Protein backbone atom coordinates (compact mmCIF):
# COMPACT_ATOMS: atom_id res chain seq x y z
CA MET A 1 0.05 0.04 0.01
CA PHE A 2 2.80 2.43 0.98
CA GLN A 3 4.57 1.72 -2.32
CA GLN A 4 1.39 2.43 -4.26
CA VAL A 5 1.11 5.78 -2.46
CA LYS A 6 4.72 6.62 -3.19
CA VAL A 7 4.28 5.93 -6.85
CA ALA A 8 1.07 8.14 -6.92
CA LEU A 9 2.83 11.06 -5.26
CA SER A 10 5.71 10.63 -7.76
CA GLY A 11 3.01 10.90 -10.52
CA ALA A 12 1.64 14.17 -8.95
CA GLN A 13 5.21 15.51 -8.88
CA ILE A 14 5.58 14.68 -12.66
CA LEU A 15 2.39 16.64 -13.34
CA PHE A 16 3.58 19.65 -11.12
CA VAL A 17 6.86 19.70 -13.31
CA ALA A 18 4.80 19.65 -16.66
CA PHE A 19 2.02 21.76 -15.47
CA GLY A 20 3.23 25.22 -16.35
CA ALA A 21 4.00 24.54 -19.94
CA LEU A 22 1.00 22.28 -20.21
CA VAL A 23 -1.61 25.01 -19.48
CA LEU A 24 0.39 27.83 -21.04
CA VAL A 25 -0.42 26.65 -24.62
CA PRO A 26 -4.27 27.08 -24.27
CA LEU A 27 -4.01 30.15 -22.27
CA LEU A 28 -2.09 31.73 -25.20
CA THR A 29 -4.24 30.40 -27.97
CA GLY A 30 -7.70 30.78 -26.63
CA LEU A 31 -8.39 27.04 -26.07
CA ASN A 32 -9.77 25.71 -22.77
CA PRO A 33 -7.22 24.80 -20.17
CA ALA A 34 -9.40 22.05 -18.88
CA MET A 35 -9.37 20.42 -22.28
CA ALA A 36 -5.54 20.64 -22.35
CA LEU A 37 -5.40 18.80 -19.09
CA LEU A 38 -7.91 16.19 -20.33
CA GLY A 39 -6.01 15.91 -23.59
CA ALA A 40 -2.66 15.34 -21.82
CA GLY A 41 -4.05 12.86 -19.41
CA LEU A 42 -5.89 10.80 -22.27
CA GLY A 43 -3.00 11.24 -24.62
CA THR A 44 -0.62 9.78 -22.13
CA LEU A 45 -2.73 6.81 -21.39
CA LEU A 46 -3.22 6.09 -25.09
CA PHE A 47 0.52 6.24 -25.68
CA GLN A 48 1.08 3.81 -22.83
CA LEU A 49 -1.55 1.59 -24.41
CA CYS A 50 0.34 1.49 -27.75
CA THR A 51 3.68 1.10 -26.21
CA GLY A 52 2.71 -1.60 -23.61
CA ARG A 53 3.48 0.95 -20.87
CA GLN A 54 7.17 0.47 -21.23
CA VAL A 55 8.32 4.11 -21.73
CA PRO A 56 8.31 6.63 -18.88
CA ILE A 57 6.90 9.49 -20.95
CA PHE A 58 4.19 12.14 -20.29
CA LEU A 59 2.69 13.90 -23.20
CA GLY A 60 1.88 17.66 -22.64
CA SER A 61 0.80 20.58 -24.88
CA SER A 62 2.99 21.24 -27.88
CA PHE A 63 4.44 24.75 -28.42
CA ALA A 64 4.89 24.15 -32.01
CA PHE A 65 1.20 24.58 -32.65
CA ILE A 66 0.82 27.90 -30.89
CA GLY A 67 1.22 30.18 -33.92
CA PRO A 68 -0.83 27.90 -36.25
CA ILE A 69 -3.54 27.56 -33.64
CA ILE A 70 -3.92 31.30 -33.26
CA TYR A 71 -4.07 31.87 -37.06
CA SER A 72 -6.46 29.00 -37.62
CA MET A 73 -8.81 30.17 -34.74
CA GLN A 74 -8.95 33.59 -36.36
CA THR A 75 -9.31 32.27 -39.97
CA TRP A 76 -11.62 29.44 -39.65
CA GLY A 77 -12.93 29.29 -36.06
CA GLN A 78 -12.53 26.83 -33.21
CA GLY A 79 -14.52 23.85 -34.63
CA ALA A 80 -12.42 23.92 -37.91
CA THR A 81 -9.18 24.29 -35.86
CA MET A 82 -10.10 21.20 -33.77
CA PHE A 83 -10.59 19.25 -36.94
CA GLY A 84 -7.19 20.53 -38.32
CA LEU A 85 -5.49 19.43 -34.98
CA PHE A 86 -7.11 16.22 -35.22
CA PHE A 87 -5.66 15.68 -38.69
CA ALA A 88 -2.31 16.79 -37.74
CA GLY A 89 -1.95 13.42 -35.74
CA PHE A 90 -1.76 11.51 -38.93
CA MET A 91 1.60 12.87 -39.77
CA TYR A 92 2.79 10.88 -36.92
CA PHE A 93 1.37 7.68 -38.46
CA VAL A 94 3.10 8.46 -41.70
CA PHE A 95 6.42 8.74 -39.79
CA ALA A 96 5.65 5.57 -37.92
CA ALA A 97 4.93 3.84 -41.19
CA ILE A 98 8.43 5.23 -42.71
CA VAL A 99 10.29 3.96 -39.55
CA LYS A 100 8.62 0.65 -39.63
CA TRP A 101 9.38 0.39 -43.39
CA ARG A 102 12.79 1.88 -43.93
CA GLY A 103 14.10 2.62 -40.42
CA MET A 104 15.56 6.06 -39.43
CA ALA A 105 17.71 6.30 -42.60
CA LEU A 106 14.94 7.65 -44.84
CA VAL A 107 13.68 10.16 -42.07
CA ASN A 108 17.14 11.57 -41.63
CA ARG A 109 17.40 11.90 -45.42
CA LEU A 110 14.06 13.72 -45.75
CA LEU A 111 14.52 15.77 -42.65
CA PRO A 112 18.14 16.66 -41.96
CA PRO A 113 19.26 19.35 -39.41
CA VAL A 114 19.38 21.99 -42.24
CA VAL A 115 15.58 21.34 -42.55
CA ILE A 116 14.63 20.98 -38.75
CA GLY A 117 16.75 23.74 -37.41
CA PRO A 118 15.20 26.64 -39.16
CA VAL A 119 11.65 25.32 -38.82
CA ILE A 120 12.16 25.05 -35.14
CA MET A 121 13.47 28.67 -35.08
CA ILE A 122 10.32 29.81 -36.87
CA ILE A 123 8.08 28.08 -34.26
CA GLY A 124 9.44 30.67 -31.83
CA LEU A 125 10.14 33.66 -33.94
CA SER A 126 6.89 33.75 -35.91
CA VAL A 127 5.04 34.51 -32.67
CA ALA A 128 7.63 36.91 -31.24
CA GLY A 129 5.40 39.81 -32.04
CA ALA A 130 2.49 38.28 -30.05
CA ALA A 131 4.77 37.87 -27.01
CA SER A 132 5.94 41.54 -27.13
CA ASN A 133 2.27 42.82 -27.49
CA MET A 134 1.07 40.79 -24.58
CA ALA A 135 4.01 42.00 -22.35
CA MET A 136 2.89 45.64 -23.26
CA GLY A 137 -0.80 44.91 -22.65
CA ARG A 138 -1.90 45.12 -26.13
CA ALA A 139 -4.45 42.94 -28.00
CA GLY A 140 -5.81 43.37 -31.48
CA GLY A 141 -3.89 46.66 -31.92
CA GLN A 142 -5.44 48.16 -28.79
CA GLN A 143 -4.23 48.88 -25.36
CA VAL A 144 -6.33 46.80 -23.17
CA MET A 145 -4.33 47.22 -19.98
CA PRO A 146 -2.21 50.13 -18.67
CA TYR A 147 1.18 50.36 -20.41
CA GLU A 148 3.30 50.78 -17.23
CA THR A 149 1.38 48.28 -15.34
CA SER A 150 1.71 45.75 -18.10
CA LEU A 151 5.48 46.04 -18.51
CA LEU A 152 6.03 45.91 -14.83
CA LEU A 153 4.08 42.67 -14.53
CA ALA A 154 5.79 41.29 -17.57
CA ALA A 155 9.21 42.14 -16.00
CA ILE A 156 8.38 40.45 -12.73
CA SER A 157 7.23 37.21 -14.41
CA LEU A 158 10.19 37.32 -16.78
CA ALA A 159 12.70 37.89 -14.00
CA THR A 160 11.30 35.16 -11.99
CA THR A 161 11.40 32.56 -14.84
CA ILE A 162 14.98 33.60 -15.63
CA ALA A 163 16.02 33.37 -11.90
CA VAL A 164 14.60 29.90 -11.46
CA SER A 165 16.18 28.67 -14.81
CA ILE A 166 19.58 29.89 -13.87
CA TYR A 167 19.90 29.61 -10.00
CA ALA A 168 17.29 27.04 -8.95
CA ARG A 169 18.58 23.40 -8.11
CA GLY A 170 17.00 20.16 -8.13
CA MET A 171 13.30 19.62 -8.97
CA PHE A 172 12.71 23.50 -8.76
CA LYS A 173 14.99 24.05 -11.79
CA LEU A 174 12.42 22.27 -13.78
CA VAL A 175 9.53 24.45 -13.15
CA PRO A 176 10.54 27.97 -14.19
CA ILE A 177 7.35 28.58 -16.18
CA LEU A 178 5.23 27.63 -13.09
CA ALA A 179 7.25 29.95 -10.87
CA GLY A 180 7.09 32.82 -13.21
CA VAL A 181 3.31 32.46 -13.57
CA THR A 182 2.95 32.18 -9.82
CA VAL A 183 4.99 35.15 -8.72
CA GLY A 184 3.57 37.18 -11.63
CA TYR A 185 -0.05 36.35 -10.66
CA ILE A 186 0.73 37.29 -6.96
CA ALA A 187 2.19 40.62 -7.94
CA ALA A 188 -0.86 41.20 -10.33
CA ALA A 189 -3.33 40.44 -7.43
CA PHE A 190 -1.66 42.96 -5.17
CA MET A 191 -1.82 45.61 -8.05
CA GLY A 192 -5.52 44.95 -8.40
CA VAL A 193 -5.48 43.80 -11.90
CA VAL A 194 -6.84 40.30 -11.31
CA ASP A 195 -10.64 39.68 -11.78
CA PHE A 196 -11.54 37.12 -9.07
CA ALA A 197 -15.25 37.44 -9.77
CA LYS A 198 -15.25 34.59 -12.39
CA VAL A 199 -13.16 32.34 -9.87
CA ALA A 200 -15.77 33.06 -7.18
CA ASN A 201 -18.69 32.41 -9.26
CA ALA A 202 -17.24 29.13 -10.87
CA PRO A 203 -18.41 25.73 -9.44
CA TRP A 204 -15.93 23.63 -7.57
CA PHE A 205 -16.60 20.69 -9.91
CA ALA A 206 -17.58 21.17 -13.54
CA ALA A 207 -17.32 18.91 -16.52
CA PRO A 208 -15.16 20.51 -19.31
CA VAL A 209 -17.41 22.08 -21.94
CA PHE A 210 -16.89 20.19 -25.23
CA HIS A 211 -17.03 22.05 -28.75
CA SER A 212 -17.97 20.13 -31.59
CA PRO A 213 -15.32 19.92 -34.40
CA GLU A 214 -16.11 21.06 -37.82
CA VAL A 215 -15.06 19.40 -41.03
CA ASN A 216 -12.74 21.87 -42.80
CA TRP A 217 -10.06 20.37 -45.26
CA ALA A 218 -8.48 23.76 -45.57
CA ALA A 219 -7.71 23.90 -41.90
CA ALA A 220 -6.70 20.18 -41.88
CA LEU A 221 -4.17 20.70 -44.86
CA PHE A 222 -2.80 23.84 -43.03
CA MET A 223 -2.05 21.90 -39.79
CA LEU A 224 -0.72 18.65 -41.42
CA PRO A 225 2.81 19.81 -42.29
CA VAL A 226 2.99 21.77 -38.91
CA ALA A 227 3.29 18.24 -37.29
CA ILE A 228 6.59 17.58 -38.90
CA ALA A 229 8.69 19.44 -36.28
CA PRO A 230 6.99 17.93 -33.13
CA ALA A 231 7.15 14.44 -34.65
CA ILE A 232 11.01 14.89 -35.05
CA GLU A 233 11.01 16.34 -31.44
CA HIS A 234 9.35 13.09 -30.47
CA ILE A 235 12.16 11.19 -31.84
CA GLY A 236 14.57 13.15 -29.98
CA GLY A 237 12.50 12.89 -26.76
CA VAL A 238 12.42 8.97 -26.99
CA MET A 239 16.13 8.89 -27.52
CA ALA A 240 16.67 11.29 -24.49
CA ILE A 241 14.50 9.24 -22.12
CA GLY A 242 16.38 6.06 -23.34
CA GLY A 243 19.53 7.76 -22.52
CA VAL A 244 18.53 8.44 -18.95
CA THR A 245 17.14 4.99 -18.14
CA GLY A 246 19.83 2.96 -20.18
CA LYS A 247 17.22 1.35 -22.52
CA ASP A 248 16.82 1.55 -26.20
CA TYR A 249 13.19 2.46 -26.65
CA THR A 250 13.56 2.71 -30.50
CA LYS A 251 14.04 -0.98 -30.59
CA THR A 252 11.68 -2.10 -27.82
CA PRO A 253 8.77 -1.21 -27.93
CA GLY A 254 9.88 0.34 -31.25
CA LEU A 255 10.03 3.99 -32.51
CA HIS A 256 7.20 3.23 -34.81
CA ARG A 257 4.97 2.36 -31.73
CA THR A 258 6.01 5.43 -29.74
CA LEU A 259 5.20 7.69 -32.80
CA ALA A 260 1.86 5.96 -33.33
CA GLY A 261 1.10 6.35 -29.62
CA ASP A 262 1.98 10.12 -29.69
CA GLY A 263 -0.20 10.50 -32.89
CA LEU A 264 -3.02 8.88 -31.42
CA GLY A 265 -2.79 11.28 -28.43
CA VAL A 266 -2.60 14.26 -30.85
CA CYS A 267 -5.62 13.06 -32.57
CA VAL A 268 -7.70 12.60 -29.38
CA ALA A 269 -6.52 15.96 -27.85
CA GLY A 270 -7.46 17.95 -30.94
CA LEU A 271 -10.77 16.20 -31.27
CA ILE A 272 -11.92 17.12 -27.76
CA GLY A 273 -10.62 20.71 -28.14
CA GLY A 274 -7.25 20.66 -26.46
CA PRO A 275 -3.71 21.48 -28.03
CA PRO A 276 -1.77 18.66 -29.74
CA VAL A 277 0.49 16.74 -27.16
CA THR A 278 4.17 15.96 -27.33
CA THR A 279 7.02 14.69 -25.27
CA TYR A 280 8.27 17.02 -22.37
CA ALA A 281 12.04 17.59 -21.73
CA GLU A 282 11.08 18.82 -18.17
CA VAL A 283 9.56 15.38 -17.47
CA THR A 284 12.74 13.64 -18.75
CA GLY A 285 14.76 15.96 -16.50
CA ALA A 286 12.62 14.96 -13.59
CA VAL A 287 13.06 11.28 -14.31
CA MET A 288 16.76 11.94 -14.42
CA ILE A 289 16.85 13.75 -11.07
CA THR A 290 14.45 11.22 -9.28
CA ARG A 291 15.89 8.08 -10.96
CA ASN A 292 12.30 6.76 -10.82
CA PHE A 293 12.07 4.97 -14.16
CA ASN A 294 8.69 3.29 -13.46
CA PRO A 295 6.14 4.16 -16.38
CA VAL A 296 3.40 3.54 -13.79
CA VAL A 297 4.38 6.99 -12.39
CA MET A 298 3.19 8.48 -15.78
CA THR A 299 -0.10 6.62 -15.52
CA TRP A 300 -0.79 8.50 -12.22
CA ALA A 301 0.44 11.82 -13.65
CA ALA A 302 -2.06 11.29 -16.47
CA ILE A 303 -5.00 10.23 -13.99
CA PHE A 304 -4.33 13.42 -11.92
CA ALA A 305 -4.26 15.57 -14.94
CA ILE A 306 -7.61 14.17 -15.99
CA ALA A 307 -9.06 14.73 -12.63
CA MET A 308 -7.84 18.34 -12.44
CA ALA A 309 -9.89 18.95 -15.79
CA PHE A 310 -13.05 18.72 -13.75
CA PHE A 311 -12.07 21.41 -11.07
CA GLY A 312 -14.24 24.35 -12.21
CA LYS A 313 -12.59 27.02 -9.86
CA PHE A 314 -9.25 25.85 -10.73
CA ASN A 315 -9.80 26.37 -14.27
CA ALA A 316 -11.37 29.67 -13.73
CA LEU A 317 -8.17 30.69 -11.81
CA LEU A 318 -6.20 29.80 -14.75
CA GLN A 319 -8.13 31.93 -17.03
CA SER A 320 -7.84 34.93 -14.74
CA ILE A 321 -4.10 35.27 -15.14
CA PRO A 322 -3.48 38.72 -16.68
CA MET A 323 -2.12 38.86 -20.08
CA PRO A 324 1.15 40.60 -19.27
CA VAL A 325 2.10 37.91 -17.00
CA MET A 326 1.88 35.47 -19.66
CA GLY A 327 3.65 37.90 -22.04
CA GLY A 328 6.62 38.15 -19.95
CA ILE A 329 7.19 34.34 -19.93
CA MET A 330 6.55 34.23 -23.70
CA VAL A 331 9.46 36.79 -24.42
CA LEU A 332 11.78 34.13 -22.89
CA LEU A 333 9.94 30.95 -23.99
CA PHE A 334 9.80 31.74 -27.77
CA GLY A 335 13.27 32.88 -27.76
CA THR A 336 14.30 29.60 -26.15
CA ILE A 337 12.55 27.77 -28.91
CA ALA A 338 14.34 29.71 -31.59
CA SER A 339 17.68 29.11 -29.67
CA ILE A 340 17.02 25.26 -29.78
CA GLY A 341 16.67 25.53 -33.64
CA LEU A 342 19.97 27.30 -33.64
CA LYS A 343 21.59 24.73 -31.51
CA THR A 344 20.32 22.03 -33.96
CA LEU A 345 22.29 23.64 -36.75
CA ILE A 346 25.39 24.24 -34.55
CA GLU A 347 25.52 20.66 -33.31
CA ALA A 348 25.22 19.19 -36.67
CA LYS A 349 27.81 21.60 -37.86
CA VAL A 350 25.63 22.79 -40.85
CA ASP A 351 28.05 24.59 -43.29
CA LEU A 352 26.40 28.07 -44.18
CA MET A 353 29.13 28.60 -46.72
CA GLU A 354 27.45 25.77 -48.78
CA PRO A 355 24.85 27.78 -51.03
CA ARG A 356 22.24 25.05 -50.57
CA ASN A 357 22.21 25.25 -46.84
CA LEU A 358 22.21 29.09 -46.97
CA VAL A 359 19.34 29.02 -49.40
CA ILE A 360 17.23 26.69 -47.26
CA ILE A 361 17.81 28.46 -44.03
CA SER A 362 17.42 31.92 -45.59
CA VAL A 363 14.08 31.33 -47.42
CA VAL A 364 12.54 29.41 -44.39
CA LEU A 365 13.51 32.30 -42.01
CA THR A 366 12.26 35.02 -44.21
CA ALA A 367 9.16 33.39 -45.21
CA GLY A 368 8.26 32.56 -41.52
CA ILE A 369 9.20 35.74 -39.96
CA GLY A 370 7.64 37.76 -42.74
CA GLY A 371 4.38 35.97 -42.57
CA LEU A 372 4.52 34.85 -46.24
CA GLU A 373 1.17 33.22 -47.25
CA LEU A 374 0.68 30.61 -50.10
CA LYS A 375 -2.96 30.50 -51.10
CA PHE A 376 -4.89 28.18 -53.58
CA GLY A 377 -8.52 29.15 -53.34
CA SER A 378 -9.80 28.54 -49.92
CA PHE A 379 -6.60 26.53 -48.98
CA GLY A 380 -3.64 28.40 -47.53
CA LEU A 381 -0.20 27.70 -46.09
CA VAL A 382 1.46 30.15 -43.66
CA GLY A 383 3.96 30.05 -40.73
CA VAL A 384 5.33 26.75 -39.48
CA GLY A 385 3.33 24.67 -42.04
CA LEU A 386 4.57 26.67 -45.14
CA CYS A 387 8.10 26.83 -43.64
CA SER A 388 8.00 23.00 -43.18
CA VAL A 389 7.08 22.31 -46.80
CA LEU A 390 9.53 24.86 -48.09
CA ALA A 391 12.44 23.44 -46.06
CA LEU A 392 11.44 19.83 -47.14
CA VAL A 393 11.03 20.58 -50.86
CA LEU A 394 14.27 22.68 -51.03
CA ASN A 395 16.22 20.04 -49.44
CA LEU A 396 14.96 17.39 -51.90
CA ILE A 397 15.49 19.51 -55.10
CA LEU A 398 18.76 21.43 -54.34
CA PRO A 399 21.86 19.56 -55.09
CA SER A 400 24.37 18.87 -52.12
CA LYS A 401 27.94 19.98 -52.34
CA SER A 402 29.07 16.38 -53.13
CA ALA A 403 26.53 16.14 -55.95
CA SER A 404 27.53 19.32 -57.50
CA ARG A 405 31.29 18.43 -57.35
CA ASP A 406 30.42 15.10 -58.99
CA GLY A 407 28.52 16.77 -61.73
CA ILE A 408 31.55 19.16 -62.47
CA VAL A 409 33.76 16.18 -62.82
CA GLU A 410 31.43 14.30 -64.98
CA GLY A 411 31.12 17.32 -67.25
CA GLN A 412 34.75 17.57 -67.57
CA ASP A 413 35.10 13.89 -68.45
CA ILE A 414 32.60 14.39 -71.28
């Protein structure tokens, strides 16, 4: 009995570590935080079902979809966005089939670091403007909160997040977002800019409100390529947790099964109105610190996430967080995502003196940051989705340095 309680408490600890990032995505995109919790819980359980509960992974909200969700909500509405997010999960099944068929060799050929790096950078940079506007208290081009108050709150939440990231030790180092939100919220409460009325009026227990998905193929095709980056992120996450536990999960239960499990979680989360889910580096860090490799811990974390989705007052509390508090954290978060993309290029030693590499990176960054749109009637590509397609196509059609050199030699021989 004591052992079961210990495992359950370990699960609660995992949810605590993942919580800040998990609820941040719906708060930024206008989705329901309760659905994010429910989607993460159900997604993790489905992942465990597909993998025979062999991998200690918890699936939380994916940051890769923040920009696309905001665009889709404004363009097609929530129902169509839900259908698009559901459809995005099928990209994981495509990768699972490729891995099962040809192994990682084909994936690496289609998606080398010169493709993945700039796409990850765009995930962060394409929504950098939104972060700055929220930090200044602006929405829709209007000043919705006093400028000085907004900047002060953003600075408090940002400084707290930075301090915890750099100076904290142990488990506390893994919760910088949660710390930033908490301190920023307390400061906002003292400054009188938190509306507690909705929290007071909310019921203690309330079933999450489901929104019916709406079939919209334009939204679906828009979301599908967005899933390329988080699918690759999943592969890295599985390898990372394998490095911590000393097991090769790409062989047992198999990378194709982990990808399929994550894809199923993405489909279900999107269908109920939550953001797509992905592997969390924070959870891997927690597993590394605690040395608790039991996948049952993640089962408990999923159960607690599902239970929290039904606490009405708690979800009202999340929705009462002032915009500048979230904006301050986003300033660091989105820059960090862009830095990870840059790190991908550096670690792979991508040669920017090679014209093909320079072309791929330059086109992707300009198209992504500049908001280039590609439209065919009602269907359109923009942001991460367009950049993923551009990087993939350019990588396939542009000759590599070795191919160019071979062509010159052959021409001379002729």
